[in-house]
PDB file of all heavy atoms in Angstrom:
ATOM      1  N   SER A   1     -22.906  -2.857   1.491  1.00  0.00           N
ATOM      2  CA  SER A   1     -23.567  -3.405   2.679  1.00  0.00           C
ATOM      3  C   SER A   1     -24.677  -2.406   3.107  1.00  0.00           C
ATOM      4  O   SER A   1     -24.958  -1.307   2.382  1.00  0.00           O
ATOM      5  CB  SER A   1     -22.676  -3.560   3.887  1.00  0.00           C
ATOM      6  OG  SER A   1     -22.139  -2.361   4.246  1.00  0.00           O
ATOM      7  N   ALA A   2     -25.410  -2.606   4.152  1.00  0.00           N
ATOM      8  CA  ALA A   2     -26.464  -1.836   4.575  1.00  0.00           C
ATOM      9  C   ALA A   2     -25.962  -0.460   4.965  1.00  0.00           C
ATOM     10  O   ALA A   2     -26.611   0.527   4.835  1.00  0.00           O
ATOM     11  CB  ALA A   2     -27.232  -2.406   5.817  1.00  0.00           C
ATOM     12  N   ALA A   3     -24.643  -0.349   5.464  1.00  0.00           N
ATOM     13  CA  ALA A   3     -24.045   0.914   5.772  1.00  0.00           C
ATOM     14  C   ALA A   3     -23.444   1.582   4.571  1.00  0.00           C
ATOM     15  O   ALA A   3     -22.933   2.683   4.798  1.00  0.00           O
ATOM     16  CB  ALA A   3     -22.984   0.658   6.798  1.00  0.00           C
ATOM     17  N   GLY A   4     -23.441   1.036   3.415  1.00  0.00           N
ATOM     18  CA  GLY A   4     -22.890   1.592   2.246  1.00  0.00           C
ATOM     19  C   GLY A   4     -21.751   0.804   1.715  1.00  0.00           C
ATOM     20  O   GLY A   4     -21.628  -0.382   1.979  1.00  0.00           O
ATOM     21  N   PHE A   5     -20.928   1.449   0.825  1.00  0.00           N
ATOM     22  CA  PHE A   5     -19.734   0.800   0.314  1.00  0.00           C
ATOM     23  C   PHE A   5     -18.632   0.598   1.284  1.00  0.00           C
ATOM     24  O   PHE A   5     -18.239   1.508   2.018  1.00  0.00           O
ATOM     25  CB  PHE A   5     -19.273   1.594  -0.859  1.00  0.00           C
ATOM     26  CG  PHE A   5     -18.117   0.962  -1.616  1.00  0.00           C
ATOM     27  CD1 PHE A   5     -18.217  -0.073  -2.371  1.00  0.00           C
ATOM     28  CD2 PHE A   5     -16.732   1.416  -1.363  1.00  0.00           C
ATOM     29  CE1 PHE A   5     -17.130  -0.696  -2.979  1.00  0.00           C
ATOM     30  CE2 PHE A   5     -15.664   0.977  -1.940  1.00  0.00           C
ATOM     31  CZ  PHE A   5     -15.840  -0.162  -2.852  1.00  0.00           C
ATOM     32  N   THR A   6     -18.140  -0.645   1.435  1.00  0.00           N
ATOM     33  CA  THR A   6     -17.049  -0.942   2.329  1.00  0.00           C
ATOM     34  C   THR A   6     -15.833  -1.373   1.542  1.00  0.00           C
ATOM     35  O   THR A   6     -15.833  -2.390   0.812  1.00  0.00           O
ATOM     36  CB  THR A   6     -17.504  -2.110   3.325  1.00  0.00           C
ATOM     37  OG1 THR A   6     -18.587  -1.765   4.035  1.00  0.00           O
ATOM     38  CG2 THR A   6     -16.323  -2.388   4.310  1.00  0.00           C
ATOM     39  N   PRO A   7     -14.719  -0.615   1.569  1.00  0.00           N
ATOM     40  CA  PRO A   7     -13.549  -0.924   0.817  1.00  0.00           C
ATOM     41  C   PRO A   7     -12.814  -2.146   1.383  1.00  0.00           C
ATOM     42  O   PRO A   7     -13.047  -2.534   2.478  1.00  0.00           O
ATOM     43  CB  PRO A   7     -12.652   0.215   0.868  1.00  0.00           C
ATOM     44  CG  PRO A   7     -13.153   1.014   2.166  1.00  0.00           C
ATOM     45  CD  PRO A   7     -14.546   0.706   2.249  1.00  0.00           C
ATOM     46  N   SER A   8     -12.082  -2.745   0.467  1.00  0.00           N
ATOM     47  CA  SER A   8     -11.310  -3.977   0.915  1.00  0.00           C
ATOM     48  C   SER A   8      -9.991  -3.535   1.616  1.00  0.00           C
ATOM     49  O   SER A   8      -9.201  -2.651   1.068  1.00  0.00           O
ATOM     50  CB  SER A   8     -11.002  -4.782  -0.308  1.00  0.00           C
ATOM     51  OG  SER A   8     -10.080  -5.907   0.055  1.00  0.00           O
ATOM     52  N   VAL A   9      -9.776  -3.958   2.838  1.00  0.00           N
ATOM     53  CA  VAL A   9      -8.569  -3.540   3.564  1.00  0.00           C
ATOM     54  C   VAL A   9      -7.816  -4.834   4.043  1.00  0.00           C
ATOM     55  O   VAL A   9      -8.443  -5.766   4.456  1.00  0.00           O
ATOM     56  CB  VAL A   9      -8.940  -2.770   4.823  1.00  0.00           C
ATOM     57  CG1 VAL A   9      -7.678  -2.433   5.627  1.00  0.00           C
ATOM     58  CG2 VAL A   9      -9.699  -1.527   4.453  1.00  0.00           C
ATOM     59  N   LYS A  10      -6.534  -4.936   3.712  1.00  0.00           N
ATOM     60  CA  LYS A  10      -5.751  -6.088   3.993  1.00  0.00           C
ATOM     61  C   LYS A  10      -4.444  -5.536   4.878  1.00  0.00           C
ATOM     62  O   LYS A  10      -3.911  -4.505   4.616  1.00  0.00           O
ATOM     63  CB  LYS A  10      -5.274  -6.836   2.709  1.00  0.00           C
ATOM     64  CG  LYS A  10      -6.413  -7.271   1.961  1.00  0.00           C
ATOM     65  CD  LYS A  10      -7.169  -8.378   2.648  1.00  0.00           C
ATOM     66  CE  LYS A  10      -8.278  -9.027   1.743  1.00  0.00           C
ATOM     67  NZ  LYS A  10      -9.130 -10.034   2.507  1.00  0.00           N
ATOM     68  N   ILE A  11      -3.960  -6.360   5.679  1.00  0.00           N
ATOM     69  CA  ILE A  11      -2.768  -6.105   6.521  1.00  0.00           C
ATOM     70  C   ILE A  11      -1.563  -6.768   5.860  1.00  0.00           C
ATOM     71  O   ILE A  11      -1.568  -7.984   5.483  1.00  0.00           O
ATOM     72  CB  ILE A  11      -2.923  -6.557   7.930  1.00  0.00           C
ATOM     73  CG1 ILE A  11      -4.134  -5.991   8.579  1.00  0.00           C
ATOM     74  CG2 ILE A  11      -1.677  -6.105   8.888  1.00  0.00           C
ATOM     75  CD1 ILE A  11      -4.275  -4.462   8.620  1.00  0.00           C
ATOM     76  N   PHE A  12      -0.466  -6.098   5.705  1.00  0.00           N
ATOM     77  CA  PHE A  12       0.740  -6.668   5.089  1.00  0.00           C
ATOM     78  C   PHE A  12       2.008  -6.383   6.059  1.00  0.00           C
ATOM     79  O   PHE A  12       1.987  -5.412   6.773  1.00  0.00           O
ATOM     80  CB  PHE A  12       0.988  -5.979   3.742  1.00  0.00           C
ATOM     81  CG  PHE A  12       0.109  -6.382   2.659  1.00  0.00           C
ATOM     82  CD1 PHE A  12      -1.142  -5.731   2.505  1.00  0.00           C
ATOM     83  CD2 PHE A  12       0.415  -7.366   1.786  1.00  0.00           C
ATOM     84  CE1 PHE A  12      -2.045  -6.110   1.570  1.00  0.00           C
ATOM     85  CE2 PHE A  12      -0.399  -7.745   0.684  1.00  0.00           C
ATOM     86  CZ  PHE A  12      -1.605  -7.091   0.602  1.00  0.00           C
ATOM     87  N   LYS A  13       2.915  -7.288   5.968  1.00  0.00           N
ATOM     88  CA  LYS A  13       4.158  -7.183   6.710  1.00  0.00           C
ATOM     89  C   LYS A  13       5.319  -6.635   5.807  1.00  0.00           C
ATOM     90  O   LYS A  13       5.464  -7.132   4.698  1.00  0.00           O
ATOM     91  CB  LYS A  13       4.569  -8.490   7.234  1.00  0.00           C
ATOM     92  CG  LYS A  13       5.859  -8.311   8.192  1.00  0.00           C
ATOM     93  CD  LYS A  13       6.135  -9.656   8.945  1.00  0.00           C
ATOM     94  CE  LYS A  13       7.410  -9.535   9.782  1.00  0.00           C
ATOM     95  NZ  LYS A  13       7.731 -10.867  10.316  1.00  0.00           N
ATOM     96  N   VAL A  14       5.868  -5.593   6.217  1.00  0.00           N
ATOM     97  CA  VAL A  14       7.022  -4.932   5.439  1.00  0.00           C
ATOM     98  C   VAL A  14       8.214  -6.009   5.545  1.00  0.00           C
ATOM     99  O   VAL A  14       8.780  -6.195   6.540  1.00  0.00           O
ATOM    100  CB  VAL A  14       7.473  -3.610   5.963  1.00  0.00           C
ATOM    101  CG1 VAL A  14       8.614  -3.066   5.142  1.00  0.00           C
ATOM    102  CG2 VAL A  14       6.316  -2.599   5.900  1.00  0.00           C
ATOM    103  N   VAL A  15       8.549  -6.505   4.327  1.00  0.00           N
ATOM    104  CA  VAL A  15       9.679  -7.502   4.323  1.00  0.00           C
ATOM    105  C   VAL A  15      10.882  -6.898   3.629  1.00  0.00           C
ATOM    106  O   VAL A  15      11.959  -7.636   3.548  1.00  0.00           O
ATOM    107  CB  VAL A  15       9.244  -8.817   3.616  1.00  0.00           C
ATOM    108  CG1 VAL A  15       8.110  -9.478   4.441  1.00  0.00           C
ATOM    109  CG2 VAL A  15       8.789  -8.504   2.248  1.00  0.00           C
ATOM    110  N   GLY A  16      10.907  -5.798   3.102  1.00  0.00           N
ATOM    111  CA  GLY A  16      11.988  -5.290   2.324  1.00  0.00           C
ATOM    112  C   GLY A  16      11.779  -3.806   1.860  1.00  0.00           C
ATOM    113  O   GLY A  16      10.614  -3.295   1.795  1.00  0.00           O
ATOM    114  N   MET A  17      12.882  -3.131   1.524  1.00  0.00           N
ATOM    115  CA  MET A  17      12.889  -1.829   0.943  1.00  0.00           C
ATOM    116  C   MET A  17      13.876  -1.761  -0.166  1.00  0.00           C
ATOM    117  O   MET A  17      14.822  -2.422  -0.182  1.00  0.00           O
ATOM    118  CB  MET A  17      13.245  -0.747   2.082  1.00  0.00           C
ATOM    119  CG  MET A  17      12.094  -0.576   3.094  1.00  0.00           C
ATOM    120  SD  MET A  17      12.573   0.682   4.363  1.00  0.00           S
ATOM    121  CE  MET A  17      13.749  -0.310   5.312  1.00  0.00           C
ATOM    122  N   PHE A  18      13.561  -0.848  -1.189  1.00  0.00           N
ATOM    123  CA  PHE A  18      14.466  -0.680  -2.310  1.00  0.00           C
ATOM    124  C   PHE A  18      14.728   0.801  -2.536  1.00  0.00           C
ATOM    125  O   PHE A  18      13.890   1.702  -2.093  1.00  0.00           O
ATOM    126  CB  PHE A  18      13.805  -1.326  -3.542  1.00  0.00           C
ATOM    127  CG  PHE A  18      12.658  -0.606  -4.123  1.00  0.00           C
ATOM    128  CD1 PHE A  18      12.705   0.442  -5.081  1.00  0.00           C
ATOM    129  CD2 PHE A  18      11.373  -0.906  -3.723  1.00  0.00           C
ATOM    130  CE1 PHE A  18      11.616   1.058  -5.519  1.00  0.00           C
ATOM    131  CE2 PHE A  18      10.311  -0.338  -4.110  1.00  0.00           C
ATOM    132  CZ  PHE A  18      10.391   0.710  -5.044  1.00  0.00           C
ATOM    133  N   ARG A  19      15.813   1.133  -3.240  1.00  0.00           N
ATOM    134  CA  ARG A  19      16.162   2.442  -3.623  1.00  0.00           C
ATOM    135  C   ARG A  19      16.582   2.404  -5.070  1.00  0.00           C
ATOM    136  O   ARG A  19      17.639   2.003  -5.350  1.00  0.00           O
ATOM    137  CB  ARG A  19      17.205   3.078  -2.700  1.00  0.00           C
ATOM    138  CG  ARG A  19      17.586   4.523  -3.105  1.00  0.00           C
ATOM    139  CD  ARG A  19      18.653   4.980  -2.147  1.00  0.00           C
ATOM    140  NE  ARG A  19      18.066   5.246  -0.836  1.00  0.00           N
ATOM    141  CZ  ARG A  19      18.792   5.512   0.255  1.00  0.00           C
ATOM    142  NH1 ARG A  19      20.101   5.458   0.174  1.00  0.00           N
ATOM    143  NH2 ARG A  19      18.218   5.614   1.450  1.00  0.00           N
ATOM    144  N   SER A  20      15.706   2.984  -5.938  1.00  0.00           N
ATOM    145  CA  SER A  20      16.086   3.006  -7.294  1.00  0.00           C
ATOM    146  C   SER A  20      16.929   4.195  -7.738  1.00  0.00           C
ATOM    147  O   SER A  20      17.530   4.192  -8.860  1.00  0.00           O
ATOM    148  CB  SER A  20      14.798   3.036  -8.202  1.00  0.00           C
ATOM    149  OG  SER A  20      14.137   4.175  -7.940  1.00  0.00           O
ATOM    150  N   GLY A  21      16.979   5.335  -6.957  1.00  0.00           N
ATOM    151  CA  GLY A  21      17.622   6.530  -7.307  1.00  0.00           C
ATOM    152  C   GLY A  21      16.691   7.405  -8.012  1.00  0.00           C
ATOM    153  O   GLY A  21      17.101   8.600  -8.199  1.00  0.00           O
ATOM    154  N   MET A  22      15.447   7.092  -8.279  1.00  0.00           N
ATOM    155  CA  MET A  22      14.454   7.962  -8.835  1.00  0.00           C
ATOM    156  C   MET A  22      13.420   8.186  -7.697  1.00  0.00           C
ATOM    157  O   MET A  22      12.819   7.296  -7.292  1.00  0.00           O
ATOM    158  CB  MET A  22      13.722   7.401  -9.992  1.00  0.00           C
ATOM    159  CG  MET A  22      14.746   7.255 -11.219  1.00  0.00           C
ATOM    160  SD  MET A  22      13.780   6.797 -12.739  1.00  0.00           S
ATOM    161  CE  MET A  22      12.818   8.198 -13.001  1.00  0.00           C
ATOM    162  N   PHE A  23      13.305   9.456  -7.292  1.00  0.00           N
ATOM    163  CA  PHE A  23      12.421   9.860  -6.194  1.00  0.00           C
ATOM    164  C   PHE A  23      11.028   9.516  -6.415  1.00  0.00           C
ATOM    165  O   PHE A  23      10.278   9.014  -5.512  1.00  0.00           O
ATOM    166  CB  PHE A  23      12.588  11.346  -5.967  1.00  0.00           C
ATOM    167  CG  PHE A  23      11.783  11.864  -4.721  1.00  0.00           C
ATOM    168  CD1 PHE A  23      12.288  11.643  -3.454  1.00  0.00           C
ATOM    169  CD2 PHE A  23      10.580  12.445  -4.870  1.00  0.00           C
ATOM    170  CE1 PHE A  23      11.558  12.147  -2.308  1.00  0.00           C
ATOM    171  CE2 PHE A  23       9.834  12.932  -3.725  1.00  0.00           C
ATOM    172  CZ  PHE A  23      10.300  12.710  -2.520  1.00  0.00           C
ATOM    173  N   GLU A  24      10.567   9.599  -7.730  1.00  0.00           N
ATOM    174  CA  GLU A  24       9.107   9.311  -7.981  1.00  0.00           C
ATOM    175  C   GLU A  24       8.840   7.852  -7.705  1.00  0.00           C
ATOM    176  O   GLU A  24       7.803   7.517  -7.230  1.00  0.00           O
ATOM    177  CB  GLU A  24       8.911   9.604  -9.478  1.00  0.00           C
ATOM    178  CG  GLU A  24       7.447   9.414  -9.845  1.00  0.00           C
ATOM    179  CD  GLU A  24       7.261   9.714 -11.350  1.00  0.00           C
ATOM    180  OE1 GLU A  24       8.183  10.259 -11.930  1.00  0.00           O
ATOM    181  OE2 GLU A  24       6.173   9.463 -11.827  1.00  0.00           O
ATOM    182  N   TYR A  25       9.758   6.956  -8.076  1.00  0.00           N
ATOM    183  CA  TYR A  25       9.563   5.581  -7.860  1.00  0.00           C
ATOM    184  C   TYR A  25       9.773   5.245  -6.315  1.00  0.00           C
ATOM    185  O   TYR A  25       8.880   4.445  -5.670  1.00  0.00           O
ATOM    186  CB  TYR A  25      10.583   4.634  -8.654  1.00  0.00           C
ATOM    187  CG  TYR A  25      10.250   4.654 -10.114  1.00  0.00           C
ATOM    188  CD1 TYR A  25      11.261   4.126 -10.958  1.00  0.00           C
ATOM    189  CD2 TYR A  25       9.118   5.161 -10.607  1.00  0.00           C
ATOM    190  CE1 TYR A  25      10.988   4.094 -12.273  1.00  0.00           C
ATOM    191  CE2 TYR A  25       8.823   5.106 -11.963  1.00  0.00           C
ATOM    192  CZ  TYR A  25       9.743   4.509 -12.853  1.00  0.00           C
ATOM    193  OH  TYR A  25       9.558   4.545 -14.164  1.00  0.00           O
ATOM    194  N   ASP A  26      10.794   5.715  -5.660  1.00  0.00           N
ATOM    195  CA  ASP A  26      11.079   5.377  -4.321  1.00  0.00           C
ATOM    196  C   ASP A  26       9.978   5.930  -3.308  1.00  0.00           C
ATOM    197  O   ASP A  26       9.864   5.443  -2.253  1.00  0.00           O
ATOM    198  CB  ASP A  26      12.403   6.041  -3.907  1.00  0.00           C
ATOM    199  CG  ASP A  26      13.623   5.405  -4.696  1.00  0.00           C
ATOM    200  OD1 ASP A  26      13.310   4.301  -5.148  1.00  0.00           O
ATOM    201  OD2 ASP A  26      14.635   6.021  -4.706  1.00  0.00           O
ATOM    202  N   SER A  27       9.173   7.001  -3.748  1.00  0.00           N
ATOM    203  CA  SER A  27       8.259   7.528  -2.827  1.00  0.00           C
ATOM    204  C   SER A  27       6.759   7.050  -3.177  1.00  0.00           C
ATOM    205  O   SER A  27       5.870   7.454  -2.439  1.00  0.00           O
ATOM    206  CB  SER A  27       8.287   9.002  -2.908  1.00  0.00           C
ATOM    207  OG  SER A  27       7.928   9.452  -4.281  1.00  0.00           O
TER     208      SER A  27
END
């Protein structure tokens, strides 16, 4: 745009959480 690059931003609703047991994935 005239002001420069504008990233795409979307709003999401948290509908669930998971725990795999692997910190790298869970975080």
